[in-house]
Protein backbone atom coordinates (compact mmCIF):
# COMPACT_ATOMS: atom_id res chain seq x y z
CA MET A 1 0.00 0.00 0.00
CA ASP A 2 2.85 2.37 0.88
CA ILE A 3 4.57 1.54 -2.39
CA LEU A 4 1.37 2.33 -4.30
CA LYS A 5 1.11 5.69 -2.53
CA LYS A 6 4.70 6.50 -3.44
CA ILE A 7 4.11 5.56 -7.07
CA LEU A 8 0.98 7.71 -7.22
CA ALA A 9 2.85 10.60 -5.61
CA VAL A 10 5.62 10.38 -8.22
CA ILE A 11 3.08 10.25 -11.04
CA PHE A 12 1.31 13.32 -9.59
CA VAL A 13 4.58 15.27 -9.43
CA VAL A 14 5.48 14.34 -13.00
CA ILE A 15 2.05 15.32 -14.32
CA THR A 16 2.07 18.59 -12.37
CA TYR A 17 5.52 19.46 -13.72
CA ALA A 18 4.47 18.66 -17.29
CA VAL A 19 1.33 20.80 -17.03
CA SER A 20 3.31 23.65 -15.46
CA ALA A 21 5.98 23.50 -18.18
CA GLN A 22 3.35 23.42 -20.88
CA THR A 23 1.55 26.43 -19.37
CA THR A 24 4.80 28.38 -19.11
CA GLU A 25 5.63 27.61 -22.73
CA GLU A 26 2.15 28.67 -23.83
CA ILE A 27 2.47 31.96 -21.95
CA GLN A 28 5.91 32.65 -23.41
CA THR A 29 4.62 31.93 -26.91
CA ALA A 30 1.61 34.20 -26.38
CA PHE A 31 3.84 37.05 -25.21
CA LYS A 32 6.17 36.55 -28.18
CA ASN A 33 3.24 36.65 -30.61
CA SER A 34 1.78 39.73 -28.91
CA TYR A 35 5.07 41.60 -29.36
CA SER A 36 5.06 40.77 -33.05
CA GLN A 37 1.44 41.88 -33.43
CA GLU A 38 2.11 45.10 -31.52
CA SER A 39 5.06 45.98 -33.74
CA GLY A 40 2.75 45.51 -36.73
CA GLY A 41 0.14 47.82 -35.24
CA LYS A 42 -2.31 44.95 -34.70
CA TYR A 43 -3.14 45.94 -31.14
CA SER A 44 -6.53 44.23 -30.92
CA ASP A 45 -5.01 40.98 -32.17
CA ALA A 46 -2.28 41.25 -29.54
CA VAL A 47 -4.94 41.78 -26.86
CA ASN A 48 -6.87 38.71 -28.00
CA THR A 49 -3.68 36.65 -28.05
CA LEU A 50 -3.02 37.36 -24.38
CA LYS A 51 -6.64 36.99 -23.37
CA LYS A 52 -6.43 33.35 -24.45
CA ILE A 53 -3.92 32.64 -21.68
CA TYR A 54 -5.28 35.19 -19.20
CA LYS A 55 -4.74 34.60 -15.48
CA ALA A 56 -6.25 37.05 -13.02
CA ASP A 57 -3.36 36.61 -10.59
CA SER A 58 -0.63 37.19 -13.20
CA TYR A 59 1.06 40.57 -12.86
CA PRO A 60 2.89 40.37 -16.24
CA ILE A 61 -0.28 39.47 -18.16
CA ASN A 62 -2.37 42.21 -16.54
CA LEU A 63 0.39 44.78 -17.06
CA ARG A 64 0.85 43.81 -20.70
CA LEU A 65 -2.90 43.87 -21.33
CA GLY A 66 -3.08 47.30 -19.70
CA TRP A 67 -0.60 48.60 -22.26
CA LEU A 68 -2.09 46.82 -25.27
CA THR A 69 -5.68 47.83 -24.55
CA TYR A 70 -4.46 51.41 -24.16
CA LEU A 71 -2.84 51.22 -27.60
CA ALA A 72 -6.05 49.74 -28.97
CA GLY A 73 -8.04 52.70 -27.63
CA GLN A 74 -9.84 50.53 -25.08
CA TYR A 75 -9.19 52.93 -22.23
CA THR A 76 -11.72 51.59 -19.72
CA GLU A 77 -10.33 48.07 -20.10
CA SER A 78 -6.82 49.45 -19.83
CA VAL A 79 -7.61 51.13 -16.52
CA SER A 80 -9.06 47.84 -15.27
CA TYR A 81 -5.96 45.82 -16.16
CA TYR A 82 -3.58 48.40 -14.70
CA SER A 83 -5.70 48.50 -11.52
CA LYS A 84 -5.32 44.73 -11.18
CA SER A 85 -1.57 45.06 -11.76
CA ILE A 86 -1.31 47.65 -8.99
CA LYS A 87 -3.28 45.45 -6.58
CA LEU A 88 -0.99 42.52 -7.35
CA LYS A 89 2.20 44.57 -6.95
CA PRO A 90 1.41 47.68 -4.85
CA LEU A 91 5.01 48.93 -4.95
CA ALA A 92 5.42 48.54 -8.71
CA ILE A 93 6.11 51.98 -10.16
CA GLU A 94 5.81 50.75 -13.75
CA ALA A 95 2.16 49.80 -13.21
CA LYS A 96 1.34 53.20 -11.72
CA LEU A 97 3.08 54.96 -14.60
CA GLY A 98 1.14 52.76 -16.99
CA MET A 99 -2.14 53.73 -15.37
CA THR A 100 -1.50 57.40 -16.19
CA TYR A 101 -1.78 56.71 -19.94
CA PRO A 102 -5.44 55.58 -20.14
CA ALA A 103 -6.41 57.93 -17.29
CA SER A 104 -5.02 60.94 -19.17
CA ALA A 105 -6.57 59.69 -22.43
CA ILE A 106 -10.04 59.88 -20.88
CA GLY A 107 -9.23 63.22 -19.22
CA ASN A 108 -9.24 61.97 -15.65
CA TRP A 109 -6.44 64.24 -14.46
CA ASP A 110 -7.27 63.78 -10.78
CA ALA A 111 -6.57 60.07 -11.20
CA VAL A 112 -3.35 60.84 -13.08
CA LEU A 113 -2.22 63.20 -10.32
CA SER A 114 -3.09 60.60 -7.70
CA GLU A 115 -0.96 57.94 -9.41
CA TYR A 116 2.04 60.26 -9.69
CA LYS A 117 1.72 61.21 -6.01
CA ASP A 118 1.57 57.52 -5.10
CA ILE A 119 4.80 57.04 -7.02
CA ILE A 120 6.67 59.73 -5.10
CA LYS A 121 5.54 58.12 -1.84
CA ILE A 122 7.61 55.15 -2.99
CA ASP A 123 10.34 57.06 -4.83
CA ALA A 124 10.45 60.68 -3.66
CA MET A 125 12.96 61.73 -6.33
CA ASN A 126 11.26 60.03 -9.27
CA TYR A 127 11.98 62.16 -12.34
CA THR A 128 8.81 61.49 -14.33
CA ALA A 129 6.37 61.74 -11.43
CA ASN A 130 7.74 65.03 -10.09
CA LEU A 131 7.96 66.59 -13.53
CA LYS A 132 4.42 65.54 -14.47
CA ILE A 133 2.95 66.70 -11.16
CA GLY A 134 4.58 70.07 -11.75
CA GLN A 135 3.14 70.21 -15.27
CA ILE A 136 -0.36 69.37 -14.05
CA TYR A 137 -0.24 72.12 -11.42
CA TYR A 138 1.20 74.52 -14.01
CA ALA A 139 -1.72 73.75 -16.34
CA ARG A 140 -4.06 74.46 -13.42
CA LYS A 141 -2.23 77.77 -12.85
CA SER A 142 -1.20 76.59 -9.38
CA TYR A 143 2.31 77.93 -9.90
CA THR A 144 3.44 77.82 -6.27
CA GLU A 145 2.54 74.12 -6.07
CA ALA A 146 4.18 73.46 -9.43
CA GLU A 147 7.39 75.12 -8.21
CA LYS A 148 7.81 72.56 -5.41
CA TYR A 149 7.90 69.65 -7.84
CA PHE A 150 9.83 71.39 -10.60
CA ASN A 151 12.50 72.29 -8.05
CA ILE A 152 12.98 68.66 -7.09
CA VAL A 153 13.59 67.68 -10.70
CA LEU A 154 15.69 70.75 -11.45
CA ASN A 155 17.95 70.13 -8.46
CA ASN A 156 18.57 66.58 -9.64
CA TYR A 157 18.83 67.43 -13.34
CA PRO A 158 20.10 71.05 -13.44
CA PHE A 159 21.14 70.91 -17.10
CA THR A 160 18.33 68.83 -18.62
CA TYR A 161 15.87 70.43 -21.03
CA ASP A 162 12.43 69.63 -19.57
CA PRO A 163 13.16 70.62 -15.95
CA ILE A 164 14.81 73.86 -17.10
CA ILE A 165 12.17 75.05 -19.58
CA ASN A 166 9.25 74.05 -17.37
CA SER A 167 10.76 75.84 -14.38
CA ALA A 168 11.53 78.90 -16.51
CA TRP A 169 7.93 79.30 -17.63
CA ASN A 170 6.63 78.63 -14.15
CA TYR A 171 8.87 81.38 -12.73
CA LEU A 172 7.71 83.72 -15.48
CA MET A 173 4.08 83.12 -14.56
CA MET A 174 4.94 83.74 -10.89
CA GLY A 175 6.52 87.06 -11.80
CA LYS A 176 10.01 85.88 -10.83
CA MET A 177 11.65 87.39 -13.88
CA ARG A 178 15.28 87.10 -12.79
CA GLU A 179 14.98 83.35 -12.14
CA ALA A 180 13.02 82.90 -15.37
CA LYS A 181 15.67 84.73 -17.44
CA VAL A 182 18.50 82.66 -16.00
CA LEU A 183 16.72 79.44 -16.92
CA PHE A 184 15.65 80.62 -20.37
CA ASP A 185 19.31 81.51 -21.03
CA TYR A 186 20.30 78.05 -19.80
CA THR A 187 17.78 76.51 -22.18
CA ILE A 188 19.30 78.30 -25.17
CA MET A 189 22.75 77.22 -24.00
CA LEU A 190 21.47 73.65 -23.99
CA ASN A 191 19.39 73.94 -27.16
CA PRO A 192 20.57 76.90 -29.30
CA GLY A 193 17.72 78.86 -30.86
CA ASP A 194 15.08 77.14 -28.74
CA GLU A 195 11.72 78.63 -29.77
CA SER A 196 10.06 78.37 -26.37
CA ALA A 197 12.97 79.96 -24.52
CA THR A 198 13.30 82.71 -27.12
CA LYS A 199 9.62 83.54 -26.74
CA GLY A 200 10.01 83.59 -22.94
CA LEU A 201 12.94 86.02 -23.11
CA GLU A 202 10.98 88.30 -25.42
CA MET A 203 8.20 88.45 -22.83
CA ILE A 204 10.67 89.47 -20.12
CA LYS A 205 12.13 92.40 -22.11
């Protein structure tokens, strides 16, 4: 009887391993095919390919479907998949960044802002999150709030185009002309003849 149990146990392990290996291979093949379809602009086909091997508890599948449904213009579905990704991996910055794409596409800027703020709770110096938060506040004409986030990026990247030009315009709107001029001049040093910086300097004169 003990021998029979051991034999059955071995058979179970072998079968389980075979099924697991087959499932892994199927998932890898589905991902490979989805990349090919995406590169060909066949976003809906790529979505359907991954849906065939969908697992609710799979972070990679939910994350990938979030991106593909966004590309396919299926923004509500995209939000759903990214939400599942975030629940599965709460500290995953890539999932939170991904969520900002469909959320911005449907004009839900409060949700976008919330995701970026969640990111800086995990990574206080995150370049993209701080820059985007600053840009959102700038668009809302909340220049003092925008300054806080632009300053973080500017201090970390003092000779990088986006932090410089965004900070320059924000200072201009705040009436801080000296700071704005310095940064517009820096922008032209970095990108000679820059149209945005040239326009800013003309407004200061």
